Amino acid sequence: MNSSDEGALRPPAAGLDGRGLSATAAAFFIWGLLPLYIKALSDVPAWQFATHRLVWGCLFAIGLLAIGGALGGVRTALAVPRIRWRLAVSATLVTLNWTLYIWGIGTGRVVETSLGYSSTRC
């Protein structure tokens, strides 16, 4: 066993605060309420809902990256064609996934959509 493997075997430090658990619980709670929110907006087309989510999510992420001073890393990554291609493909797949999820909730297929969404996560 080398020294880099030893760090993975250490038990967690005593006295950890509960911020991680609280954040996880809050995320699960919000995720559980999301279908109710989407259903309430079922008059809004799924593509429009997904587009708003995409635009506002990007603006929020860019803002956080700017505050953290990490926009240079984004520019560096986007300068590499292979990385740019992979990011474009993954963004397209995530957008398709969310659009189908929103459409499923909006058309009353809450159980099927939720089961399908959660059972395909790895």
PDB file of N, CA and C in Angstrom:
ATOM      1  N   MET A   1       0.854  -1.169   0.000  1.00  0.00           N
ATOM      2  CA  MET A   1       0.000   0.000   0.000  1.00  0.00           C
ATOM      3  C   MET A   1       0.899   1.231   0.000  1.00  0.00           C
ATOM      4  N   ASN A   2       0.618   2.142  -0.923  1.00  0.00           N
ATOM      5  CA  ASN A   2       1.435   3.346  -0.957  1.00  0.00           C
ATOM      6  C   ASN A   2       0.793   4.441  -0.115  1.00  0.00           C
ATOM      7  N   SER A   3       1.482   5.542   0.012  1.00  0.00           N
ATOM      8  CA  SER A   3       1.009   6.597   0.913  1.00  0.00           C
ATOM      9  C   SER A   3      -0.261   7.267   0.402  1.00  0.00           C
ATOM     10  N   SER A   4      -0.518   7.256  -0.913  1.00  0.00           N
ATOM     11  CA  SER A   4      -1.739   7.892  -1.401  1.00  0.00           C
ATOM     12  C   SER A   4      -2.976   7.074  -1.061  1.00  0.00           C
ATOM     13  N   ASP A   5      -2.828   5.752  -0.852  1.00  0.00           N
ATOM     14  CA  ASP A   5      -3.960   4.908  -0.484  1.00  0.00           C
ATOM     15  C   ASP A   5      -4.320   5.042   0.988  1.00  0.00           C
ATOM     16  N   GLU A   6      -3.379   5.448   1.813  1.00  0.00           N
ATOM     17  CA  GLU A   6      -3.624   5.505   3.242  1.00  0.00           C
ATOM     18  C   GLU A   6      -4.674   6.547   3.611  1.00  0.00           C
ATOM     19  N   GLY A   7      -4.727   7.651   2.875  1.00  0.00           N
ATOM     20  CA  GLY A   7      -5.693   8.699   3.165  1.00  0.00           C
ATOM     21  C   GLY A   7      -7.124   8.230   2.982  1.00  0.00           C
ATOM     22  N   ALA A   8      -7.331   7.296   2.068  1.00  0.00           N
ATOM     23  CA  ALA A   8      -8.679   6.807   1.804  1.00  0.00           C
ATOM     24  C   ALA A   8      -9.163   5.869   2.904  1.00  0.00           C
ATOM     25  N   LEU A   9      -8.235   5.340   3.713  1.00  0.00           N
ATOM     26  CA  LEU A   9      -8.604   4.369   4.730  1.00  0.00           C
ATOM     27  C   LEU A   9      -8.832   4.995   6.096  1.00  0.00           C
ATOM     28  N   ARG A  10      -8.561   6.255   6.231  1.00  0.00           N
ATOM     29  CA  ARG A  10      -8.740   6.909   7.525  1.00  0.00           C
ATOM     30  C   ARG A  10     -10.221   7.076   7.838  1.00  0.00           C
ATOM     31  N   PRO A  11     -10.580   6.857   9.100  1.00  0.00           N
ATOM     32  CA  PRO A  11     -11.982   7.103   9.472  1.00  0.00           C
ATOM     33  C   PRO A  11     -12.260   8.597   9.477  1.00  0.00           C
ATOM     34  N   PRO A  12     -13.518   8.983   9.329  1.00  0.00           N
ATOM     35  CA  PRO A  12     -13.837  10.419   9.359  1.00  0.00           C
ATOM     36  C   PRO A  12     -13.465  11.029  10.703  1.00  0.00           C
ATOM     37  N   ALA A  13     -13.119  12.281  10.658  1.00  0.00           N
ATOM     38  CA  ALA A  13     -12.727  12.990  11.874  1.00  0.00           C
ATOM     39  C   ALA A  13     -13.917  13.122  12.815  1.00  0.00           C
ATOM     40  N   ALA A  14     -13.640  13.019  14.083  1.00  0.00           N
ATOM     41  CA  ALA A  14     -14.693  13.178  15.088  1.00  0.00           C
ATOM     42  C   ALA A  14     -15.136  14.632  15.142  1.00  0.00           C
ATOM     43  N   GLY A  15     -16.374  14.850  15.502  1.00  0.00           N
ATOM     44  CA  GLY A  15     -16.874  16.208  15.664  1.00  0.00           C
ATOM     45  C   GLY A  15     -17.238  16.889  14.361  1.00  0.00           C
ATOM     46  N   LEU A  16     -17.563  16.135  13.336  1.00  0.00           N
ATOM     47  CA  LEU A  16     -17.984  16.761  12.083  1.00  0.00           C
ATOM     48  C   LEU A  16     -19.296  17.500  12.291  1.00  0.00           C
ATOM     49  N   ASP A  17     -19.427  18.628  11.621  1.00  0.00           N
ATOM     50  CA  ASP A  17     -20.693  19.337  11.740  1.00  0.00           C
ATOM     51  C   ASP A  17     -21.720  18.714  10.792  1.00  0.00           C
ATOM     52  N   GLY A  18     -22.951  19.073  10.953  1.00  0.00           N
ATOM     53  CA  GLY A  18     -24.028  18.455  10.194  1.00  0.00           C
ATOM     54  C   GLY A  18     -24.395  19.186   8.920  1.00  0.00           C
ATOM     55  N   ARG A  19     -23.522  20.043   8.422  1.00  0.00           N
ATOM     56  CA  ARG A  19     -23.859  20.805   7.221  1.00  0.00           C
ATOM     57  C   ARG A  19     -24.085  19.916   6.014  1.00  0.00           C
ATOM     58  N   GLY A  20     -23.288  18.874   5.875  1.00  0.00           N
ATOM     59  CA  GLY A  20     -23.456  17.966   4.736  1.00  0.00           C
ATOM     60  C   GLY A  20     -24.786  17.242   4.791  1.00  0.00           C
ATOM     61  N   LEU A  21     -25.119  16.745   5.965  1.00  0.00           N
ATOM     62  CA  LEU A  21     -26.396  16.057   6.145  1.00  0.00           C
ATOM     63  C   LEU A  21     -27.561  17.017   5.934  1.00  0.00           C
ATOM     64  N   SER A  22     -27.445  18.223   6.451  1.00  0.00           N
ATOM     65  CA  SER A  22     -28.505  19.222   6.277  1.00  0.00           C
ATOM     66  C   SER A  22     -28.678  19.593   4.808  1.00  0.00           C
ATOM     67  N   ALA A  23     -27.582  19.776   4.104  1.00  0.00           N
ATOM     68  CA  ALA A  23     -27.655  20.113   2.677  1.00  0.00           C
ATOM     69  C   ALA A  23     -28.282  18.973   1.888  1.00  0.00           C
ATOM     70  N   THR A  24     -27.924  17.738   2.240  1.00  0.00           N
ATOM     71  CA  THR A  24     -28.490  16.574   1.564  1.00  0.00           C
ATOM     72  C   THR A  24     -29.986  16.481   1.818  1.00  0.00           C
ATOM     73  N   ALA A  25     -30.392  16.644   3.062  1.00  0.00           N
ATOM     74  CA  ALA A  25     -31.816  16.586   3.407  1.00  0.00           C
ATOM     75  C   ALA A  25     -32.591  17.693   2.686  1.00  0.00           C
ATOM     76  N   ALA A  26     -32.030  18.885   2.642  1.00  0.00           N
ATOM     77  CA  ALA A  26     -32.694  19.993   1.949  1.00  0.00           C
ATOM     78  C   ALA A  26     -32.818  19.705   0.455  1.00  0.00           C
ATOM     79  N   ALA A  27     -31.762  19.157  -0.142  1.00  0.00           N
ATOM     80  CA  ALA A  27     -31.807  18.835  -1.571  1.00  0.00           C
ATOM     81  C   ALA A  27     -32.865  17.771  -1.860  1.00  0.00           C
ATOM     82  N   PHE A  28     -32.939  16.737  -1.031  1.00  0.00           N
ATOM     83  CA  PHE A  28     -33.955  15.698  -1.225  1.00  0.00           C
ATOM     84  C   PHE A  28     -35.360  16.269  -1.040  1.00  0.00           C
ATOM     85  N   PHE A  29     -35.532  17.166  -0.082  1.00  0.00           N
ATOM     86  CA  PHE A  29     -36.835  17.781   0.155  1.00  0.00           C
ATOM     87  C   PHE A  29     -37.255  18.611  -1.057  1.00  0.00           C
ATOM     88  N   ILE A  30     -36.334  19.426  -1.549  1.00  0.00           N
ATOM     89  CA  ILE A  30     -36.624  20.253  -2.728  1.00  0.00           C
ATOM     90  C   ILE A  30     -36.901  19.360  -3.934  1.00  0.00           C
ATOM     91  N   TRP A  31     -36.093  18.325  -4.098  1.00  0.00           N
ATOM     92  CA  TRP A  31     -36.276  17.401  -5.218  1.00  0.00           C
ATOM     93  C   TRP A  31     -37.635  16.713  -5.121  1.00  0.00           C
ATOM     94  N   GLY A  32     -38.087  16.408  -3.926  1.00  0.00           N
ATOM     95  CA  GLY A  32     -39.389  15.780  -3.740  1.00  0.00           C
ATOM     96  C   GLY A  32     -40.543  16.717  -4.055  1.00  0.00           C
ATOM     97  N   LEU A  33     -40.356  18.011  -3.835  1.00  0.00           N
ATOM     98  CA  LEU A  33     -41.393  18.986  -4.135  1.00  0.00           C
ATOM     99  C   LEU A  33     -41.398  19.431  -5.590  1.00  0.00           C
ATOM    100  N   LEU A  34     -40.329  19.168  -6.311  1.00  0.00           N
ATOM    101  CA  LEU A  34     -40.215  19.627  -7.695  1.00  0.00           C
ATOM    102  C   LEU A  34     -41.363  19.163  -8.576  1.00  0.00           C
ATOM    103  N   PRO A  35     -41.807  17.901  -8.513  1.00  0.00           N
ATOM    104  CA  PRO A  35     -42.940  17.508  -9.359  1.00  0.00           C
ATOM    105  C   PRO A  35     -44.208  18.315  -9.084  1.00  0.00           C
ATOM    106  N   LEU A  36     -44.443  18.700  -7.836  1.00  0.00           N
ATOM    107  CA  LEU A  36     -45.608  19.532  -7.531  1.00  0.00           C
ATOM    108  C   LEU A  36     -45.492  20.899  -8.200  1.00  0.00           C
ATOM    109  N   TYR A  37     -44.298  21.456  -8.185  1.00  0.00           N
ATOM    110  CA  TYR A  37     -44.048  22.749  -8.818  1.00  0.00           C
ATOM    111  C   TYR A  37     -44.226  22.649 -10.327  1.00  0.00           C
ATOM    112  N   ILE A  38     -43.657  21.601 -10.920  1.00  0.00           N
ATOM    113  CA  ILE A  38     -43.772  21.419 -12.372  1.00  0.00           C
ATOM    114  C   ILE A  38     -45.230  21.195 -12.758  1.00  0.00           C
ATOM    115  N   LYS A  39     -45.939  20.402 -11.983  1.00  0.00           N
ATOM    116  CA  LYS A  39     -47.356  20.132 -12.274  1.00  0.00           C
ATOM    117  C   LYS A  39     -48.171  21.416 -12.194  1.00  0.00           C
ATOM    118  N   ALA A  40     -47.862  22.276 -11.242  1.00  0.00           N
ATOM    119  CA  ALA A  40     -48.582  23.551 -11.126  1.00  0.00           C
ATOM    120  C   ALA A  40     -48.342  24.433 -12.351  1.00  0.00           C
ATOM    121  N   LEU A  41     -47.210  24.235 -13.025  1.00  0.00           N
ATOM    122  CA  LEU A  41     -46.885  25.003 -14.221  1.00  0.00           C
ATOM    123  C   LEU A  41     -47.105  24.181 -15.490  1.00  0.00           C
ATOM    124  N   SER A  42     -48.045  23.254 -15.452  1.00  0.00           N
ATOM    125  CA  SER A  42     -48.243  22.351 -16.596  1.00  0.00           C
ATOM    126  C   SER A  42     -48.722  23.082 -17.846  1.00  0.00           C
ATOM    127  N   ASP A  43     -49.225  24.308 -17.709  1.00  0.00           N
ATOM    128  CA  ASP A  43     -49.616  25.083 -18.888  1.00  0.00           C
ATOM    129  C   ASP A  43     -48.402  25.623 -19.650  1.00  0.00           C
ATOM    130  N   VAL A  44     -47.266  25.668 -18.985  1.00  0.00           N
ATOM    131  CA  VAL A  44     -46.032  26.125 -19.624  1.00  0.00           C
ATOM    132  C   VAL A  44     -45.444  24.946 -20.398  1.00  0.00           C
ATOM    133  N   PRO A  45     -45.103  25.139 -21.682  1.00  0.00           N
ATOM    134  CA  PRO A  45     -44.518  24.038 -22.452  1.00  0.00           C
ATOM    135  C   PRO A  45     -43.208  23.546 -21.824  1.00  0.00           C
ATOM    136  N   ALA A  46     -42.976  22.239 -21.934  1.00  0.00           N
ATOM    137  CA  ALA A  46     -41.784  21.634 -21.323  1.00  0.00           C
ATOM    138  C   ALA A  46     -40.497  22.261 -21.848  1.00  0.00           C
ATOM    139  N   TRP A  47     -40.442  22.554 -23.151  1.00  0.00           N
ATOM    140  CA  TRP A  47     -39.220  23.136 -23.715  1.00  0.00           C
ATOM    141  C   TRP A  47     -38.950  24.521 -23.128  1.00  0.00           C
ATOM    142  N   GLN A  48     -40.029  25.285 -22.861  1.00  0.00           N
ATOM    143  CA  GLN A  48     -39.845  26.629 -22.287  1.00  0.00           C
ATOM    144  C   GLN A  48     -39.362  26.537 -20.839  1.00  0.00           C
ATOM    145  N   PHE A  49     -39.921  25.608 -20.088  1.00  0.00           N
ATOM    146  CA  PHE A  49     -39.500  25.390 -18.708  1.00  0.00           C
ATOM    147  C   PHE A  49     -38.026  24.982 -18.682  1.00  0.00           C
ATOM    148  N   ALA A  50     -37.658  24.020 -19.547  1.00  0.00           N
ATOM    149  CA  ALA A  50     -36.270  23.545 -19.596  1.00  0.00           C
ATOM    150  C   ALA A  50     -35.320  24.654 -20.044  1.00  0.00           C
ATOM    151  N   THR A  51     -35.770  25.481 -20.979  1.00  0.00           N
ATOM    152  CA  THR A  51     -34.928  26.586 -21.453  1.00  0.00           C
ATOM    153  C   THR A  51     -34.674  27.595 -20.336  1.00  0.00           C
ATOM    154  N   HIS A  52     -35.718  27.925 -19.582  1.00  0.00           N
ATOM    155  CA  HIS A  52     -35.525  28.838 -18.449  1.00  0.00           C
ATOM    156  C   HIS A  52     -34.556  28.225 -17.435  1.00  0.00           C
ATOM    157  N   ARG A  53     -34.723  26.946 -17.163  1.00  0.00           N
ATOM    158  CA  ARG A  53     -33.827  26.275 -16.217  1.00  0.00           C
ATOM    159  C   ARG A  53     -32.384  26.325 -16.716  1.00  0.00           C
ATOM    160  N   LEU A  54     -32.201  26.102 -17.999  1.00  0.00           N
ATOM    161  CA  LEU A  54     -30.863  26.130 -18.590  1.00  0.00           C
ATOM    162  C   LEU A  54     -30.237  27.521 -18.499  1.00  0.00           C
ATOM    163  N   VAL A  55     -30.979  28.523 -18.917  1.00  0.00           N
ATOM    164  CA  VAL A  55     -30.443  29.890 -18.932  1.00  0.00           C
ATOM    165  C   VAL A  55     -30.136  30.385 -17.519  1.00  0.00           C
ATOM    166  N   TRP A  56     -31.105  30.238 -16.610  1.00  0.00           N
ATOM    167  CA  TRP A  56     -30.881  30.728 -15.246  1.00  0.00           C
ATOM    168  C   TRP A  56     -29.810  29.914 -14.527  1.00  0.00           C
ATOM    169  N   GLY A  57     -29.768  28.608 -14.799  1.00  0.00           N
ATOM    170  CA  GLY A  57     -28.725  27.767 -14.201  1.00  0.00           C
ATOM    171  C   GLY A  57     -27.333  28.177 -14.666  1.00  0.00           C
ATOM    172  N   CYS A  58     -27.212  28.481 -15.968  1.00  0.00           N
ATOM    173  CA  CYS A  58     -25.914  28.926 -16.506  1.00  0.00           C
ATOM    174  C   CYS A  58     -25.502  30.271 -15.914  1.00  0.00           C
ATOM    175  N   LEU A  59     -26.457  31.196 -15.841  1.00  0.00           N
ATOM    176  CA  LEU A  59     -26.134  32.507 -15.252  1.00  0.00           C
ATOM    177  C   LEU A  59     -25.708  32.377 -13.792  1.00  0.00           C
ATOM    178  N   PHE A  60     -26.398  31.536 -13.050  1.00  0.00           N
ATOM    179  CA  PHE A  60     -26.054  31.312 -11.646  1.00  0.00           C
ATOM    180  C   PHE A  60     -24.662  30.687 -11.534  1.00  0.00           C
ATOM    181  N   ALA A  61     -24.383  29.665 -12.359  1.00  0.00           N
ATOM    182  CA  ALA A  61     -23.077  28.998 -12.314  1.00  0.00           C
ATOM    183  C   ALA A  61     -21.959  29.953 -12.716  1.00  0.00           C
ATOM    184  N   ILE A  62     -22.185  30.757 -13.747  1.00  0.00           N
ATOM    185  CA  ILE A  62     -21.172  31.728 -14.166  1.00  0.00           C
ATOM    186  C   ILE A  62     -20.921  32.741 -13.049  1.00  0.00           C
ATOM    187  N   GLY A  63     -21.981  33.160 -12.388  1.00  0.00           N
ATOM    188  CA  GLY A  63     -21.823  34.084 -11.261  1.00  0.00           C
ATOM    189  C   GLY A  63     -20.998  33.478 -10.144  1.00  0.00           C
ATOM    190  N   LEU A  64     -21.300  32.226  -9.784  1.00  0.00           N
ATOM    191  CA  LEU A  64     -20.512  31.554  -8.738  1.00  0.00           C
ATOM    192  C   LEU A  64     -19.056  31.372  -9.159  1.00  0.00           C
ATOM    193  N   LEU A  65     -18.840  31.005 -10.419  1.00  0.00           N
ATOM    194  CA  LEU A  65     -17.462  30.849 -10.903  1.00  0.00           C
ATOM    195  C   LEU A  65     -16.729  32.190 -10.889  1.00  0.00           C
ATOM    196  N   ALA A  66     -17.422  33.256 -11.244  1.00  0.00           N
ATOM    197  CA  ALA A  66     -16.801  34.584 -11.229  1.00  0.00           C
ATOM    198  C   ALA A  66     -16.443  34.991  -9.809  1.00  0.00           C
ATOM    199  N   ILE A  67     -17.357  34.759  -8.868  1.00  0.00           N
ATOM    200  CA  ILE A  67     -17.079  35.097  -7.470  1.00  0.00           C
ATOM    201  C   ILE A  67     -15.891  34.298  -6.952  1.00  0.00           C
ATOM    202  N   GLY A  68     -15.815  33.031  -7.353  1.00  0.00           N
ATOM    203  CA  GLY A  68     -14.718  32.171  -6.902  1.00  0.00           C
ATOM    204  C   GLY A  68     -13.437  32.338  -7.702  1.00  0.00           C
ATOM    205  N   GLY A  69     -13.472  33.175  -8.731  1.00  0.00           N
ATOM    206  CA  GLY A  69     -12.274  33.397  -9.548  1.00  0.00           C
ATOM    207  C   GLY A  69     -11.894  32.210 -10.405  1.00  0.00           C
ATOM    208  N   ALA A  70     -12.859  31.411 -10.818  1.00  0.00           N
ATOM    209  CA  ALA A  70     -12.572  30.189 -11.577  1.00  0.00           C
ATOM    210  C   ALA A  70     -12.970  30.277 -13.050  1.00  0.00           C
ATOM    211  N   LEU A  71     -13.302  31.459 -13.536  1.00  0.00           N
ATOM    212  CA  LEU A  71     -13.687  31.581 -14.948  1.00  0.00           C
ATOM    213  C   LEU A  71     -12.523  31.283 -15.885  1.00  0.00           C
ATOM    214  N   GLY A  72     -11.308  31.508 -15.433  1.00  0.00           N
ATOM    215  CA  GLY A  72     -10.137  31.191 -16.254  1.00  0.00           C
ATOM    216  C   GLY A  72     -10.055  29.703 -16.564  1.00  0.00           C
ATOM    217  N   GLY A  73     -10.426  28.869 -15.602  1.00  0.00           N
ATOM    218  CA  GLY A  73     -10.442  27.426 -15.829  1.00  0.00           C
ATOM    219  C   GLY A  73     -11.471  27.024 -16.859  1.00  0.00           C
ATOM    220  N   VAL A  74     -12.599  27.718 -16.878  1.00  0.00           N
ATOM    221  CA  VAL A  74     -13.632  27.444 -17.882  1.00  0.00           C
ATOM    222  C   VAL A  74     -13.105  27.819 -19.263  1.00  0.00           C
ATOM    223  N   ARG A  75     -12.478  28.979 -19.373  1.00  0.00           N
ATOM    224  CA  ARG A  75     -11.902  29.394 -20.662  1.00  0.00           C
ATOM    225  C   ARG A  75     -10.854  28.395 -21.144  1.00  0.00           C
ATOM    226  N   THR A  76     -10.042  27.928 -20.215  1.00  0.00           N
ATOM    227  CA  THR A  76      -9.007  26.951 -20.569  1.00  0.00           C
ATOM    228  C   THR A  76      -9.634  25.654 -21.067  1.00  0.00           C
ATOM    229  N   ALA A  77     -10.653  25.187 -20.386  1.00  0.00           N
ATOM    230  CA  ALA A  77     -11.323  23.947 -20.793  1.00  0.00           C
ATOM    231  C   ALA A  77     -12.003  24.106 -22.145  1.00  0.00           C
ATOM    232  N   LEU A  78     -12.670  25.234 -22.361  1.00  0.00           N
ATOM    233  CA  LEU A  78     -13.373  25.449 -23.621  1.00  0.00           C
ATOM    234  C   LEU A  78     -12.440  25.673 -24.797  1.00  0.00           C
ATOM    235  N   ALA A  79     -11.181  25.952 -24.529  1.00  0.00           N
ATOM    236  CA  ALA A  79     -10.209  26.139 -25.604  1.00  0.00           C
ATOM    237  C   ALA A  79      -9.774  24.813 -26.221  1.00  0.00           C
ATOM    238  N   VAL A  80     -10.020  23.708 -25.532  1.00  0.00           N
ATOM    239  CA  VAL A  80      -9.631  22.384 -26.029  1.00  0.00           C
ATOM    240  C   VAL A  80     -10.837  21.792 -26.779  1.00  0.00           C
ATOM    241  N   PRO A  81     -10.702  21.560 -28.097  1.00  0.00           N
ATOM    242  CA  PRO A  81     -11.844  21.079 -28.886  1.00  0.00           C
ATOM    243  C   PRO A  81     -12.463  19.785 -28.360  1.00  0.00           C
ATOM    244  N   ARG A  82     -11.655  18.861 -27.907  1.00  0.00           N
ATOM    245  CA  ARG A  82     -12.190  17.595 -27.421  1.00  0.00           C
ATOM    246  C   ARG A  82     -13.052  17.795 -26.164  1.00  0.00           C
ATOM    247  N   ILE A  83     -12.595  18.629 -25.263  1.00  0.00           N
ATOM    248  CA  ILE A  83     -13.366  18.921 -24.057  1.00  0.00           C
ATOM    249  C   ILE A  83     -14.639  19.684 -24.414  1.00  0.00           C
ATOM    250  N   ARG A  84     -14.509  20.652 -25.306  1.00  0.00           N
ATOM    251  CA  ARG A  84     -15.666  21.432 -25.744  1.00  0.00           C
ATOM    252  C   ARG A  84     -16.733  20.511 -26.361  1.00  0.00           C
ATOM    253  N   TRP A  85     -16.318  19.546 -27.189  1.00  0.00           N
ATOM    254  CA  TRP A  85     -17.240  18.592 -27.804  1.00  0.00           C
ATOM    255  C   TRP A  85     -17.936  17.743 -26.737  1.00  0.00           C
ATOM    256  N   ARG A  86     -17.174  17.244 -25.792  1.00  0.00           N
ATOM    257  CA  ARG A  86     -17.758  16.419 -24.720  1.00  0.00           C
ATOM    258  C   ARG A  86     -18.746  17.222 -23.879  1.00  0.00           C
ATOM    259  N   LEU A  87     -18.423  18.451 -23.583  1.00  0.00           N
ATOM    260  CA  LEU A  87     -19.335  19.299 -22.822  1.00  0.00           C
ATOM    261  C   LEU A  87     -20.610  19.585 -23.607  1.00  0.00           C
ATOM    262  N   ALA A  88     -20.492  19.797 -24.911  1.00  0.00           N
ATOM    263  CA  ALA A  88     -21.672  20.056 -25.746  1.00  0.00           C
ATOM    264  C   ALA A  88     -22.580  18.831 -25.791  1.00  0.00           C
ATOM    265  N   VAL A  89     -21.987  17.643 -25.940  1.00  0.00           N
ATOM    266  CA  VAL A  89     -22.777  16.413 -25.978  1.00  0.00           C
ATOM    267  C   VAL A  89     -23.463  16.178 -24.629  1.00  0.00           C
ATOM    268  N   SER A  90     -22.716  16.331 -23.537  1.00  0.00           N
ATOM    269  CA  SER A  90     -23.317  16.098 -22.221  1.00  0.00           C
ATOM    270  C   SER A  90     -24.394  17.134 -21.923  1.00  0.00           C
ATOM    271  N   ALA A  91     -24.194  18.380 -22.309  1.00  0.00           N
ATOM    272  CA  ALA A  91     -25.212  19.414 -22.101  1.00  0.00           C
ATOM    273  C   ALA A  91     -26.475  19.096 -22.897  1.00  0.00           C
ATOM    274  N   THR A  92     -26.308  18.600 -24.109  1.00  0.00           N
ATOM    275  CA  THR A  92     -27.458  18.219 -24.939  1.00  0.00           C
ATOM    276  C   THR A  92     -28.233  17.074 -24.299  1.00  0.00           C
ATOM    277  N   LEU A  93     -27.517  16.066 -23.811  1.00  0.00           N
ATOM    278  CA  LEU A  93     -28.176  14.923 -23.178  1.00  0.00           C
ATOM    279  C   LEU A  93     -28.894  15.320 -21.890  1.00  0.00           C
ATOM    280  N   VAL A  94     -28.278  16.171 -21.089  1.00  0.00           N
ATOM    281  CA  VAL A  94     -28.922  16.624 -19.857  1.00  0.00           C
ATOM    282  C   VAL A  94     -30.162  17.455 -20.177  1.00  0.00           C
ATOM    283  N   THR A  95     -30.078  18.301 -21.196  1.00  0.00           N
ATOM    284  CA  THR A  95     -31.232  19.100 -21.601  1.00  0.00           C
ATOM    285  C   THR A  95     -32.368  18.209 -22.089  1.00  0.00           C
ATOM    286  N   LEU A  96     -32.054  17.213 -22.887  1.00  0.00           N
ATOM    287  CA  LEU A  96     -33.067  16.262 -23.343  1.00  0.00           C
ATOM    288  C   LEU A  96     -33.682  15.520 -22.157  1.00  0.00           C
ATOM    289  N   ASN A  97     -32.851  15.092 -21.232  1.00  0.00           N
ATOM    290  CA  ASN A  97     -33.319  14.395 -20.033  1.00  0.00           C
ATOM    291  C   ASN A  97     -34.306  15.262 -19.256  1.00  0.00           C
ATOM    292  N   TRP A  98     -33.932  16.512 -18.994  1.00  0.00           N
ATOM    293  CA  TRP A  98     -34.791  17.398 -18.213  1.00  0.00           C
ATOM    294  C   TRP A  98     -36.069  17.735 -18.960  1.00  0.00           C
ATOM    295  N   THR A  99     -35.985  17.929 -20.272  1.00  0.00           N
ATOM    296  CA  THR A  99     -37.184  18.239 -21.047  1.00  0.00           C
ATOM    297  C   THR A  99     -38.162  17.073 -20.984  1.00  0.00           C
ATOM    298  N   LEU A 100     -37.676  15.849 -21.110  1.00  0.00           N
ATOM    299  CA  LEU A 100     -38.544  14.670 -21.011  1.00  0.00           C
ATOM    300  C   LEU A 100     -39.117  14.523 -19.608  1.00  0.00           C
ATOM    301  N   TYR A 101     -38.313  14.798 -18.603  1.00  0.00           N
ATOM    302  CA  TYR A 101     -38.784  14.725 -17.219  1.00  0.00           C
ATOM    303  C   TYR A 101     -39.907  15.733 -16.986  1.00  0.00           C
ATOM    304  N   ILE A 102     -39.701  16.957 -17.420  1.00  0.00           N
ATOM    305  CA  ILE A 102     -40.703  18.006 -17.242  1.00  0.00           C
ATOM    306  C   ILE A 102     -41.963  17.669 -18.032  1.00  0.00           C
ATOM    307  N   TRP A 103     -41.808  17.171 -19.243  1.00  0.00           N
ATOM    308  CA  TRP A 103     -42.959  16.765 -20.050  1.00  0.00           C
ATOM    309  C   TRP A 103     -43.727  15.643 -19.354  1.00  0.00           C
ATOM    310  N   GLY A 104     -43.007  14.666 -18.813  1.00  0.00           N
ATOM    311  CA  GLY A 104     -43.661  13.554 -18.124  1.00  0.00           C
ATOM    312  C   GLY A 104     -44.459  14.013 -16.916  1.00  0.00           C
ATOM    313  N   ILE A 105     -43.893  14.902 -16.125  1.00  0.00           N
ATOM    314  CA  ILE A 105     -44.604  15.430 -14.963  1.00  0.00           C
ATOM    315  C   ILE A 105     -45.814  16.242 -15.412  1.00  0.00           C
ATOM    316  N   GLY A 106     -45.625  17.069 -16.423  1.00  0.00           N
ATOM    317  CA  GLY A 106     -46.704  17.927 -16.906  1.00  0.00           C
ATOM    318  C   GLY A 106     -47.863  17.170 -17.514  1.00  0.00           C
ATOM    319  N   THR A 107     -47.608  15.962 -18.002  1.00  0.00           N
ATOM    320  CA  THR A 107     -48.680  15.166 -18.609  1.00  0.00           C
ATOM    321  C   THR A 107     -49.270  14.154 -17.641  1.00  0.00           C
ATOM    322  N   GLY A 108     -48.931  14.273 -16.363  1.00  0.00           N
ATOM    323  CA  GLY A 108     -49.548  13.423 -15.360  1.00  0.00           C
ATOM    324  C   GLY A 108     -48.874  12.079 -15.139  1.00  0.00           C
ATOM    325  N   ARG A 109     -47.698  11.899 -15.647  1.00  0.00           N
ATOM    326  CA  ARG A 109     -46.971  10.637 -15.471  1.00  0.00           C
ATOM    327  C   ARG A 109     -45.916  10.783 -14.361  1.00  0.00           C
ATOM    328  N   VAL A 110     -46.371  11.248 -13.212  1.00  0.00           N
ATOM    329  CA  VAL A 110     -45.457  11.552 -12.109  1.00  0.00           C
ATOM    330  C   VAL A 110     -44.760  10.302 -11.593  1.00  0.00           C
ATOM    331  N   VAL A 111     -45.517   9.251 -11.326  1.00  0.00           N
ATOM    332  CA  VAL A 111     -44.925   8.032 -10.775  1.00  0.00           C
ATOM    333  C   VAL A 111     -43.968   7.403 -11.782  1.00  0.00           C
ATOM    334  N   GLU A 112     -44.401   7.258 -13.030  1.00  0.00           N
ATOM    335  CA  GLU A 112     -43.550   6.657 -14.049  1.00  0.00           C
ATOM    336  C   GLU A 112     -42.270   7.468 -14.268  1.00  0.00           C
ATOM    337  N   THR A 113     -42.442   8.785 -14.347  1.00  0.00           N
ATOM    338  CA  THR A 113     -41.294   9.661 -14.577  1.00  0.00           C
ATOM    339  C   THR A 113     -40.322   9.614 -13.402  1.00  0.00           C
ATOM    340  N   SER A 114     -40.848   9.681 -12.204  1.00  0.00           N
ATOM    341  CA  SER A 114     -39.982   9.670 -11.022  1.00  0.00           C
ATOM    342  C   SER A 114     -39.269   8.342 -10.867  1.00  0.00           C
ATOM    343  N   LEU A 115     -39.990   7.238 -11.074  1.00  0.00           N
ATOM    344  CA  LEU A 115     -39.350   5.924 -10.984  1.00  0.00           C
ATOM    345  C   LEU A 115     -38.292   5.746 -12.072  1.00  0.00           C
ATOM    346  N   GLY A 116     -38.634   6.157 -13.271  1.00  0.00           N
ATOM    347  CA  GLY A 116     -37.666   6.061 -14.374  1.00  0.00           C
ATOM    348  C   GLY A 116     -36.454   6.911 -14.142  1.00  0.00           C
ATOM    349  N   TYR A 117     -36.661   8.100 -13.606  1.00  0.00           N
ATOM    350  CA  TYR A 117     -35.553   9.015 -13.376  1.00  0.00           C
ATOM    351  C   TYR A 117     -34.633   8.500 -12.274  1.00  0.00           C
ATOM    352  N   SER A 118     -35.235   8.011 -11.184  1.00  0.00           N
ATOM    353  CA  SER A 118     -34.409   7.584 -10.066  1.00  0.00           C
ATOM    354  C   SER A 118     -33.796   6.206 -10.291  1.00  0.00           C
ATOM    355  N   SER A 119     -34.429   5.338 -11.070  1.00  0.00           N
ATOM    356  CA  SER A 119     -33.895   3.998 -11.271  1.00  0.00           C
ATOM    357  C   SER A 119     -32.771   3.959 -12.292  1.00  0.00           C
ATOM    358  N   THR A 120     -32.601   5.012 -13.081  1.00  0.00           N
ATOM    359  CA  THR A 120     -31.534   5.018 -14.085  1.00  0.00           C
ATOM    360  C   THR A 120     -30.309   5.778 -13.631  1.00  0.00           C
ATOM    361  N   ARG A 121     -30.310   6.280 -12.429  1.00  0.00           N
ATOM    362  CA  ARG A 121     -29.127   6.995 -11.914  1.00  0.00           C
ATOM    363  C   ARG A 121     -28.095   5.997 -11.434  1.00  0.00           C
ATOM    364  N   CYS A 122     -26.862   6.314 -11.686  1.00  0.00           N
ATOM    365  CA  CYS A 122     -25.773   5.444 -11.239  1.00  0.00           C
ATOM    366  C   CYS A 122     -24.913   6.159 -10.226  1.00  0.00           C
TER     367      CYS A 122
END
